[in-house]
Amino acid sequence: MTIAPTKPGASELRRAYYQQETNMNRRTLTATQAEQHALTMALVLAITAKTEANSQRAVLAAGFFAGRMQPLQVAQCQTEAKRILKSAYN
């Protein structure tokens, strides 16, 4: 028994369009932006981790990313991490 292919419905088309847009947005990040995002998330995770071990892993990751950046970039990431934490806990 074979099943005939059907035309995609509106929800499938929306999902495919969203996935395509998401993939395009991911590709437009520069390497610097990606590293800044990674540092920001590592800083947030270092504060919010549920265990001390996970917090220490995040601190190590943050140190790795920060070591590859200019001081101004690190400061921008710290500011963004503080903004994220403030919005999450206020």
C-alpha atoms as a PDB file:
ATOM      1  CA  MET A   1       0.000   0.000   0.000  1.00  0.00           C
ATOM      2  CA  THR A   2       1.430   3.371  -0.999  1.00  0.00           C
ATOM      3  CA  ILE A   3       0.388   6.694   0.332  1.00  0.00           C
ATOM      4  CA  ALA A   4       0.012   9.480  -2.187  1.00  0.00           C
ATOM      5  CA  PRO A   5       1.923  12.625  -1.320  1.00  0.00           C
ATOM      6  CA  THR A   6      -0.253  15.490  -0.235  1.00  0.00           C
ATOM      7  CA  LYS A   7       0.247  19.202  -0.570  1.00  0.00           C
ATOM      8  CA  PRO A   8       1.643  20.797   2.538  1.00  0.00           C
ATOM      9  CA  GLY A   9      -0.878  22.619   4.672  1.00  0.00           C
ATOM     10  CA  ALA A  10      -0.576  26.177   5.881  1.00  0.00           C
ATOM     11  CA  SER A  11       0.977  25.155   9.202  1.00  0.00           C
ATOM     12  CA  GLU A  12       3.677  23.088   7.462  1.00  0.00           C
ATOM     13  CA  LEU A  13       4.477  25.994   5.160  1.00  0.00           C
ATOM     14  CA  ARG A  14       4.701  28.416   8.085  1.00  0.00           C
ATOM     15  CA  ARG A  15       6.959  26.002   9.944  1.00  0.00           C
ATOM     16  CA  ALA A  16       9.210  25.576   6.887  1.00  0.00           C
ATOM     17  CA  TYR A  17       9.350  29.343   6.346  1.00  0.00           C
ATOM     18  CA  TYR A  18      10.201  29.950  10.006  1.00  0.00           C
ATOM     19  CA  GLN A  19      12.927  27.294   9.877  1.00  0.00           C
ATOM     20  CA  GLN A  20      14.389  28.850   6.750  1.00  0.00           C
ATOM     21  CA  GLU A  21      14.372  32.327   8.312  1.00  0.00           C
ATOM     22  CA  THR A  22      15.939  30.972  11.502  1.00  0.00           C
ATOM     23  CA  ASN A  23      18.715  29.271   9.548  1.00  0.00           C
ATOM     24  CA  MET A  24      19.385  32.459   7.585  1.00  0.00           C
ATOM     25  CA  ASN A  25      19.591  34.488  10.784  1.00  0.00           C
ATOM     26  CA  ARG A  26      22.035  32.023  12.299  1.00  0.00           C
ATOM     27  CA  ARG A  27      24.308  32.275   9.287  1.00  0.00           C
ATOM     28  CA  THR A  28      24.422  36.061   9.379  1.00  0.00           C
ATOM     29  CA  LEU A  29      26.158  36.162  12.763  1.00  0.00           C
ATOM     30  CA  THR A  30      29.794  37.001  12.431  1.00  0.00           C
ATOM     31  CA  ALA A  31      32.357  35.001  14.354  1.00  0.00           C
ATOM     32  CA  THR A  32      32.809  37.944  16.716  1.00  0.00           C
ATOM     33  CA  GLN A  33      29.076  38.197  17.384  1.00  0.00           C
ATOM     34  CA  ALA A  34      28.868  34.471  17.998  1.00  0.00           C
ATOM     35  CA  GLU A  35      31.718  34.622  20.507  1.00  0.00           C
ATOM     36  CA  GLN A  36      30.152  37.620  22.241  1.00  0.00           C
ATOM     37  CA  HIS A  37      26.869  35.760  22.509  1.00  0.00           C
ATOM     38  CA  ALA A  38      28.676  32.693  23.853  1.00  0.00           C
ATOM     39  CA  LEU A  39      30.480  34.771  26.485  1.00  0.00           C
ATOM     40  CA  THR A  40      27.258  36.491  27.527  1.00  0.00           C
ATOM     41  CA  MET A  41      25.467  33.161  27.933  1.00  0.00           C
ATOM     42  CA  ALA A  42      28.419  31.666  29.835  1.00  0.00           C
ATOM     43  CA  LEU A  43      28.353  34.602  32.259  1.00  0.00           C
ATOM     44  CA  VAL A  44      24.619  34.179  32.810  1.00  0.00           C
ATOM     45  CA  LEU A  45      25.017  30.444  33.285  1.00  0.00           C
ATOM     46  CA  ALA A  46      27.846  30.934  35.768  1.00  0.00           C
ATOM     47  CA  ILE A  47      25.390  32.811  37.995  1.00  0.00           C
ATOM     48  CA  THR A  48      22.284  30.711  37.407  1.00  0.00           C
ATOM     49  CA  ALA A  49      23.741  27.188  37.313  1.00  0.00           C
ATOM     50  CA  LYS A  50      22.045  24.779  39.696  1.00  0.00           C
ATOM     51  CA  THR A  51      25.273  23.155  40.855  1.00  0.00           C
ATOM     52  CA  GLU A  52      28.698  24.465  41.770  1.00  0.00           C
ATOM     53  CA  ALA A  53      30.285  22.154  39.198  1.00  0.00           C
ATOM     54  CA  ASN A  54      28.158  23.555  36.382  1.00  0.00           C
ATOM     55  CA  SER A  55      28.896  27.071  37.555  1.00  0.00           C
ATOM     56  CA  GLN A  56      32.628  26.356  37.452  1.00  0.00           C
ATOM     57  CA  ARG A  57      32.323  24.929  33.920  1.00  0.00           C
ATOM     58  CA  ALA A  58      30.578  28.107  32.821  1.00  0.00           C
ATOM     59  CA  VAL A  59      33.299  30.215  34.443  1.00  0.00           C
ATOM     60  CA  LEU A  60      35.953  28.264  32.520  1.00  0.00           C
ATOM     61  CA  ALA A  61      34.035  28.726  29.269  1.00  0.00           C
ATOM     62  CA  ALA A  62      33.636  32.439  29.977  1.00  0.00           C
ATOM     63  CA  GLY A  63      37.368  32.725  30.606  1.00  0.00           C
ATOM     64  CA  PHE A  64      38.109  30.973  27.325  1.00  0.00           C
ATOM     65  CA  PHE A  65      35.890  33.320  25.309  1.00  0.00           C
ATOM     66  CA  ALA A  66      36.985  36.451  27.191  1.00  0.00           C
ATOM     67  CA  GLY A  67      40.628  35.636  26.558  1.00  0.00           C
ATOM     68  CA  ARG A  68      40.028  35.892  22.825  1.00  0.00           C
ATOM     69  CA  MET A  69      38.293  39.294  22.945  1.00  0.00           C
ATOM     70  CA  GLN A  70      39.148  42.923  23.384  1.00  0.00           C
ATOM     71  CA  PRO A  71      38.412  44.423  26.822  1.00  0.00           C
ATOM     72  CA  LEU A  72      35.625  46.595  25.381  1.00  0.00           C
ATOM     73  CA  GLN A  73      33.890  43.519  23.939  1.00  0.00           C
ATOM     74  CA  VAL A  74      34.136  41.734  27.298  1.00  0.00           C
ATOM     75  CA  ALA A  75      32.652  44.760  29.049  1.00  0.00           C
ATOM     76  CA  GLN A  76      29.761  44.805  26.565  1.00  0.00           C
ATOM     77  CA  CYS A  77      29.089  41.122  27.252  1.00  0.00           C
ATOM     78  CA  GLN A  78      29.165  41.732  31.007  1.00  0.00           C
ATOM     79  CA  THR A  79      26.663  44.565  30.634  1.00  0.00           C
ATOM     80  CA  GLU A  80      24.369  42.398  28.523  1.00  0.00           C
ATOM     81  CA  ALA A  81      24.613  39.511  31.003  1.00  0.00           C
ATOM     82  CA  LYS A  82      23.689  41.867  33.844  1.00  0.00           C
ATOM     83  CA  ARG A  83      20.710  43.111  31.829  1.00  0.00           C
ATOM     84  CA  ILE A  84      19.531  39.550  31.218  1.00  0.00           C
ATOM     85  CA  LEU A  85      19.884  38.623  34.892  1.00  0.00           C
ATOM     86  CA  LYS A  86      18.146  41.786  36.028  1.00  0.00           C
ATOM     87  CA  SER A  87      15.190  41.191  33.700  1.00  0.00           C
ATOM     88  CA  ALA A  88      14.938  37.553  34.789  1.00  0.00           C
ATOM     89  CA  TYR A  89      15.005  38.237  38.532  1.00  0.00           C
ATOM     90  CA  ASN A  90      13.083  41.516  38.805  1.00  0.00           C
END
